[in-house]
Amino acid sequence: MNVREKVLDLLFPPKCPFCRKILDDPRAPVCPDCRPRLPWLEGKAGERSIDFTDGCFSPLAYRDAVAGDRKLVMDLQGRPTARFMFFNGLSYGRKNGEITYLENPYIQENLAFSFQVQVAANEYYPGIARKIYLKAYRYNMHFKPKTLLIEAGAQTNTVDEMRNAVTYLADVLDTVLTK
């Protein structure tokens, strides 16, 4: 672990993404209390050879997927790197209009921020950021402005490809947030 990672862990200790408790083991993707409640994959999808400690994304059921022969990867500085995509919840559907029970006061700020990060990502690392996916729901994006929901790769990517993507994403976020 380099100095930058140690400082980041000190300032922003690793937390369980579900209950927000600080993790005793920073390599664990979720806390022991939340782990049994996660929607584990079953059947062939659950037989993938990815260790749980590689990330909370590896054993979870995916809401969507790409075709099995499609891989969202690019070569970036000699490293196979998963491409990523931003999601934004609009609290608005085409068919029924505004979803009033999903209030989200930060829609504009979140859209603007994801667009800003997408533009910067593709400026520094052309092609790494895919589209900004707009959906009717809010995905917990109503708690704070400048919230990002990011999908790195897909079920066909390796953990290393996703880790490589996160390295570049962190660099882009650092650039955008410190301008």
C-alpha atoms as a PDB file:
ATOM      1  CA  MET A   1       0.000   0.000   0.000  1.00  0.00           C
ATOM      2  CA  ASN A   2       1.519   3.327  -1.043  1.00  0.00           C
ATOM      3  CA  VAL A   3       1.411   6.579   0.931  1.00  0.00           C
ATOM      4  CA  ARG A   4      -1.504   7.966  -1.094  1.00  0.00           C
ATOM      5  CA  GLU A   5      -3.628   4.882  -0.345  1.00  0.00           C
ATOM      6  CA  LYS A   6      -2.746   5.048   3.362  1.00  0.00           C
ATOM      7  CA  VAL A   7      -3.738   8.724   3.545  1.00  0.00           C
ATOM      8  CA  LEU A   8      -6.996   8.024   1.711  1.00  0.00           C
ATOM      9  CA  ASP A   9      -7.801   5.152   4.103  1.00  0.00           C
ATOM     10  CA  LEU A  10      -7.053   7.419   7.059  1.00  0.00           C
ATOM     11  CA  LEU A  11      -9.254  10.253   5.773  1.00  0.00           C
ATOM     12  CA  PHE A  12     -11.929   8.033   4.253  1.00  0.00           C
ATOM     13  CA  PRO A  13     -11.847   4.699   6.067  1.00  0.00           C
ATOM     14  CA  PRO A  14     -13.304   1.794   4.094  1.00  0.00           C
ATOM     15  CA  LYS A  15     -16.975   1.390   4.942  1.00  0.00           C
ATOM     16  CA  CYS A  16     -19.580  -1.226   4.241  1.00  0.00           C
ATOM     17  CA  PRO A  17     -21.542   0.088   1.251  1.00  0.00           C
ATOM     18  CA  PHE A  18     -24.808  -1.137   2.763  1.00  0.00           C
ATOM     19  CA  CYS A  19     -24.786  -0.127   6.448  1.00  0.00           C
ATOM     20  CA  ARG A  20     -21.879   2.388   6.313  1.00  0.00           C
ATOM     21  CA  LYS A  21     -20.021   0.815   9.281  1.00  0.00           C
ATOM     22  CA  ILE A  22     -16.233   1.161   9.156  1.00  0.00           C
ATOM     23  CA  LEU A  23     -14.781  -2.175   8.083  1.00  0.00           C
ATOM     24  CA  ASP A  24     -12.438  -3.975  10.477  1.00  0.00           C
ATOM     25  CA  ASP A  25     -10.723  -5.592   7.493  1.00  0.00           C
ATOM     26  CA  PRO A  26     -10.182  -2.953   4.772  1.00  0.00           C
ATOM     27  CA  ARG A  27      -9.932  -5.728   2.164  1.00  0.00           C
ATOM     28  CA  ALA A  28     -13.431  -6.999   2.982  1.00  0.00           C
ATOM     29  CA  PRO A  29     -16.036  -5.614   0.604  1.00  0.00           C
ATOM     30  CA  VAL A  30     -18.880  -5.657   3.168  1.00  0.00           C
ATOM     31  CA  CYS A  31     -19.241  -6.074   6.913  1.00  0.00           C
ATOM     32  CA  PRO A  32     -19.996  -9.497   8.434  1.00  0.00           C
ATOM     33  CA  ASP A  33     -23.536  -8.382   9.385  1.00  0.00           C
ATOM     34  CA  CYS A  34     -24.504  -7.453   5.796  1.00  0.00           C
ATOM     35  CA  ARG A  35     -22.800 -10.312   3.982  1.00  0.00           C
ATOM     36  CA  PRO A  36     -25.507 -12.958   4.671  1.00  0.00           C
ATOM     37  CA  ARG A  37     -28.260 -10.594   3.458  1.00  0.00           C
ATOM     38  CA  LEU A  38     -26.780 -10.012  -0.020  1.00  0.00           C
ATOM     39  CA  PRO A  39     -28.443 -11.457  -3.158  1.00  0.00           C
ATOM     40  CA  TRP A  40     -25.919 -14.175  -3.979  1.00  0.00           C
ATOM     41  CA  LEU A  41     -25.650 -15.593  -7.456  1.00  0.00           C
ATOM     42  CA  GLU A  42     -26.790 -19.147  -7.973  1.00  0.00           C
ATOM     43  CA  GLY A  43     -26.213 -21.721 -10.685  1.00  0.00           C
ATOM     44  CA  LYS A  44     -23.550 -21.224 -13.356  1.00  0.00           C
ATOM     45  CA  ALA A  45     -23.161 -17.502 -12.637  1.00  0.00           C
ATOM     46  CA  GLY A  46     -22.332 -18.298  -9.008  1.00  0.00           C
ATOM     47  CA  GLU A  47     -19.580 -20.704 -10.043  1.00  0.00           C
ATOM     48  CA  ARG A  48     -17.310 -17.957 -11.363  1.00  0.00           C
ATOM     49  CA  SER A  49     -13.834 -18.117  -9.893  1.00  0.00           C
ATOM     50  CA  ILE A  50     -13.728 -14.700  -8.242  1.00  0.00           C
ATOM     51  CA  ASP A  51     -12.834 -14.574  -4.574  1.00  0.00           C
ATOM     52  CA  PHE A  52     -15.288 -12.605  -2.428  1.00  0.00           C
ATOM     53  CA  THR A  53     -12.473 -10.435  -1.081  1.00  0.00           C
ATOM     54  CA  ASP A  54     -11.898  -9.046  -4.588  1.00  0.00           C
ATOM     55  CA  GLY A  55     -14.865  -6.712  -4.277  1.00  0.00           C
ATOM     56  CA  CYS A  56     -18.492  -6.538  -3.297  1.00  0.00           C
ATOM     57  CA  PHE A  57     -19.479  -6.560  -6.969  1.00  0.00           C
ATOM     58  CA  SER A  58     -18.136 -10.032  -7.647  1.00  0.00           C
ATOM     59  CA  PRO A  59     -20.658 -12.287  -5.891  1.00  0.00           C
ATOM     60  CA  LEU A  60     -23.744 -10.116  -6.261  1.00  0.00           C
ATOM     61  CA  ALA A  61     -26.560 -10.633  -8.710  1.00  0.00           C
ATOM     62  CA  TYR A  62     -26.358  -8.133 -11.536  1.00  0.00           C
ATOM     63  CA  ARG A  63     -29.417  -6.100 -12.417  1.00  0.00           C
ATOM     64  CA  ASP A  64     -28.384  -5.997 -16.054  1.00  0.00           C
ATOM     65  CA  ALA A  65     -25.805  -7.721 -18.160  1.00  0.00           C
ATOM     66  CA  VAL A  66     -24.135  -7.602 -21.535  1.00  0.00           C
ATOM     67  CA  ALA A  67     -24.073 -10.482 -23.995  1.00  0.00           C
ATOM     68  CA  GLY A  68     -21.678 -13.202 -22.887  1.00  0.00           C
ATOM     69  CA  ASP A  69     -19.331 -12.578 -25.801  1.00  0.00           C
ATOM     70  CA  ARG A  70     -19.160  -8.806 -25.241  1.00  0.00           C
ATOM     71  CA  LYS A  71     -16.455  -7.363 -23.036  1.00  0.00           C
ATOM     72  CA  LEU A  72     -16.276  -3.718 -21.976  1.00  0.00           C
ATOM     73  CA  VAL A  73     -12.503  -3.454 -21.953  1.00  0.00           C
ATOM     74  CA  MET A  74      -9.836  -1.303 -23.551  1.00  0.00           C
ATOM     75  CA  ASP A  75      -6.067  -1.216 -23.476  1.00  0.00           C
ATOM     76  CA  LEU A  76      -4.989   1.828 -21.499  1.00  0.00           C
ATOM     77  CA  GLN A  77      -1.296   2.458 -21.027  1.00  0.00           C
ATOM     78  CA  GLY A  78      -0.635  -1.232 -21.594  1.00  0.00           C
ATOM     79  CA  ARG A  79      -3.205  -2.374 -19.010  1.00  0.00           C
ATOM     80  CA  PRO A  80      -6.514  -4.107 -19.802  1.00  0.00           C
ATOM     81  CA  THR A  81      -9.049  -1.685 -18.337  1.00  0.00           C
ATOM     82  CA  ALA A  82     -12.812  -1.987 -17.932  1.00  0.00           C
ATOM     83  CA  ARG A  83     -14.825   0.886 -19.354  1.00  0.00           C
ATOM     84  CA  PHE A  84     -17.267   2.562 -16.984  1.00  0.00           C
ATOM     85  CA  MET A  85     -20.659   4.208 -17.243  1.00  0.00           C
ATOM     86  CA  PHE A  86     -22.513   6.733 -15.089  1.00  0.00           C
ATOM     87  CA  PHE A  87     -26.112   6.240 -13.986  1.00  0.00           C
ATOM     88  CA  ASN A  88     -28.470   9.068 -13.103  1.00  0.00           C
ATOM     89  CA  GLY A  89     -31.894   8.724 -11.532  1.00  0.00           C
ATOM     90  CA  LEU A  90     -34.398  11.288 -12.774  1.00  0.00           C
ATOM     91  CA  SER A  91     -37.425  10.551 -10.567  1.00  0.00           C
ATOM     92  CA  TYR A  92     -39.322  10.869 -13.831  1.00  0.00           C
ATOM     93  CA  GLY A  93     -40.644   8.286 -16.259  1.00  0.00           C
ATOM     94  CA  ARG A  94     -41.709   8.719 -19.867  1.00  0.00           C
ATOM     95  CA  LYS A  95     -45.030   6.986 -19.370  1.00  0.00           C
ATOM     96  CA  ASN A  96     -46.221   8.482 -16.063  1.00  0.00           C
ATOM     97  CA  GLY A  97     -44.124  11.636 -15.750  1.00  0.00           C
ATOM     98  CA  GLU A  98     -42.798  12.798 -12.387  1.00  0.00           C
ATOM     99  CA  ILE A  99     -42.480  10.157  -9.686  1.00  0.00           C
ATOM    100  CA  THR A 100     -43.539  12.301  -6.741  1.00  0.00           C
ATOM    101  CA  TYR A 101     -42.763   9.730  -4.048  1.00  0.00           C
ATOM    102  CA  LEU A 102     -39.114   9.689  -5.232  1.00  0.00           C
ATOM    103  CA  GLU A 103     -38.212  13.271  -4.433  1.00  0.00           C
ATOM    104  CA  ASN A 104     -34.709  14.181  -5.537  1.00  0.00           C
ATOM    105  CA  PRO A 105     -33.631  17.801  -5.021  1.00  0.00           C
ATOM    106  CA  TYR A 106     -30.194  17.149  -6.577  1.00  0.00           C
ATOM    107  CA  ILE A 107     -31.091  15.903 -10.060  1.00  0.00           C
ATOM    108  CA  GLN A 108     -29.512  18.875 -11.863  1.00  0.00           C
ATOM    109  CA  GLU A 109     -26.344  18.841  -9.735  1.00  0.00           C
ATOM    110  CA  ASN A 110     -25.916  15.080 -10.177  1.00  0.00           C
ATOM    111  CA  LEU A 111     -26.464  15.252 -13.943  1.00  0.00           C
ATOM    112  CA  ALA A 112     -24.035  18.145 -14.288  1.00  0.00           C
ATOM    113  CA  PHE A 113     -21.400  16.411 -12.174  1.00  0.00           C
ATOM    114  CA  SER A 114     -21.617  13.084 -14.023  1.00  0.00           C
ATOM    115  CA  PHE A 115     -21.372  14.959 -17.338  1.00  0.00           C
ATOM    116  CA  GLN A 116     -18.347  16.902 -16.074  1.00  0.00           C
ATOM    117  CA  VAL A 117     -16.605  13.703 -14.916  1.00  0.00           C
ATOM    118  CA  GLN A 118     -17.492  11.879 -18.151  1.00  0.00           C
ATOM    119  CA  VAL A 119     -16.038  14.687 -20.280  1.00  0.00           C
ATOM    120  CA  ALA A 120     -12.868  14.837 -18.174  1.00  0.00           C
ATOM    121  CA  ALA A 121     -12.481  11.030 -18.232  1.00  0.00           C
ATOM    122  CA  ASN A 122     -12.699  10.909 -22.007  1.00  0.00           C
ATOM    123  CA  GLU A 123     -10.396  13.901 -22.340  1.00  0.00           C
ATOM    124  CA  TYR A 124      -7.631  12.291 -20.274  1.00  0.00           C
ATOM    125  CA  TYR A 125      -8.354   8.652 -21.190  1.00  0.00           C
ATOM    126  CA  PRO A 126     -10.287   8.629 -24.505  1.00  0.00           C
ATOM    127  CA  GLY A 127     -13.004   5.991 -24.597  1.00  0.00           C
ATOM    128  CA  ILE A 128     -12.886   4.929 -20.942  1.00  0.00           C
ATOM    129  CA  ALA A 129     -16.236   6.497 -20.041  1.00  0.00           C
ATOM    130  CA  ARG A 130     -19.282   5.119 -21.768  1.00  0.00           C
ATOM    131  CA  LYS A 131     -22.660   6.822 -21.916  1.00  0.00           C
ATOM    132  CA  ILE A 132     -24.560   8.445 -19.080  1.00  0.00           C
ATOM    133  CA  TYR A 133     -27.485   6.123 -18.460  1.00  0.00           C
ATOM    134  CA  LEU A 134     -30.694   7.892 -17.454  1.00  0.00           C
ATOM    135  CA  LYS A 135     -33.374   5.979 -15.560  1.00  0.00           C
ATOM    136  CA  ALA A 136     -36.658   6.912 -13.934  1.00  0.00           C
ATOM    137  CA  TYR A 137     -35.688   6.033 -10.367  1.00  0.00           C
ATOM    138  CA  ARG A 138     -33.312   7.853  -8.031  1.00  0.00           C
ATOM    139  CA  TYR A 139     -30.810   5.194  -6.787  1.00  0.00           C
ATOM    140  CA  ASN A 140     -30.088   6.944  -3.467  1.00  0.00           C
ATOM    141  CA  MET A 141     -28.904   9.992  -5.391  1.00  0.00           C
ATOM    142  CA  HIS A 142     -31.185  12.238  -3.347  1.00  0.00           C
ATOM    143  CA  PHE A 143     -28.990  12.421  -0.242  1.00  0.00           C
ATOM    144  CA  LYS A 144     -26.272  14.796  -1.470  1.00  0.00           C
ATOM    145  CA  PRO A 145     -25.429  16.838  -4.538  1.00  0.00           C
ATOM    146  CA  LYS A 146     -22.668  15.615  -6.859  1.00  0.00           C
ATOM    147  CA  THR A 147     -23.532  11.977  -6.239  1.00  0.00           C
ATOM    148  CA  LEU A 148     -22.171   9.485  -8.757  1.00  0.00           C
ATOM    149  CA  LEU A 149     -23.395   5.980  -9.441  1.00  0.00           C
ATOM    150  CA  ILE A 150     -20.804   4.235 -11.565  1.00  0.00           C
ATOM    151  CA  GLU A 151     -20.887   0.851 -13.264  1.00  0.00           C
ATOM    152  CA  ALA A 152     -17.380  -0.427 -13.986  1.00  0.00           C
ATOM    153  CA  GLY A 153     -17.365  -2.985 -16.753  1.00  0.00           C
ATOM    154  CA  ALA A 154     -19.889  -5.819 -16.715  1.00  0.00           C
ATOM    155  CA  GLN A 155     -20.174  -9.436 -15.655  1.00  0.00           C
ATOM    156  CA  THR A 156     -17.734 -10.386 -18.439  1.00  0.00           C
ATOM    157  CA  ASN A 157     -14.854  -8.274 -17.072  1.00  0.00           C
ATOM    158  CA  THR A 158     -12.163  -9.530 -14.726  1.00  0.00           C
ATOM    159  CA  VAL A 159     -11.523  -8.070 -11.314  1.00  0.00           C
ATOM    160  CA  ASP A 160      -8.142  -6.770 -12.497  1.00  0.00           C
ATOM    161  CA  GLU A 161      -9.784  -4.928 -15.402  1.00  0.00           C
ATOM    162  CA  MET A 162     -12.202  -3.286 -12.975  1.00  0.00           C
ATOM    163  CA  ARG A 163      -9.447  -2.397 -10.530  1.00  0.00           C
ATOM    164  CA  ASN A 164      -7.486  -0.788 -13.369  1.00  0.00           C
ATOM    165  CA  ALA A 165     -10.569   1.253 -14.294  1.00  0.00           C
ATOM    166  CA  VAL A 166     -10.975   2.478 -10.721  1.00  0.00           C
ATOM    167  CA  THR A 167      -7.370   3.701 -10.721  1.00  0.00           C
ATOM    168  CA  TYR A 168      -8.061   5.918 -13.731  1.00  0.00           C
ATOM    169  CA  LEU A 169     -11.445   6.961 -12.356  1.00  0.00           C
ATOM    170  CA  ALA A 170      -9.800   8.086  -9.101  1.00  0.00           C
ATOM    171  CA  ASP A 171      -7.323  10.149 -11.095  1.00  0.00           C
ATOM    172  CA  VAL A 172     -10.161  11.796 -13.052  1.00  0.00           C
ATOM    173  CA  LEU A 173     -12.167  12.510  -9.897  1.00  0.00           C
ATOM    174  CA  ASP A 174      -9.106  14.036  -8.265  1.00  0.00           C
ATOM    175  CA  THR A 175      -8.641  16.270 -11.313  1.00  0.00           C
ATOM    176  CA  VAL A 176     -12.288  17.334 -11.484  1.00  0.00           C
ATOM    177  CA  LEU A 177     -12.684  17.934  -7.752  1.00  0.00           C
ATOM    178  CA  THR A 178      -9.459  19.920  -7.347  1.00  0.00           C
ATOM    179  CA  LYS A 179      -9.891  22.242 -10.354  1.00  0.00           C
END
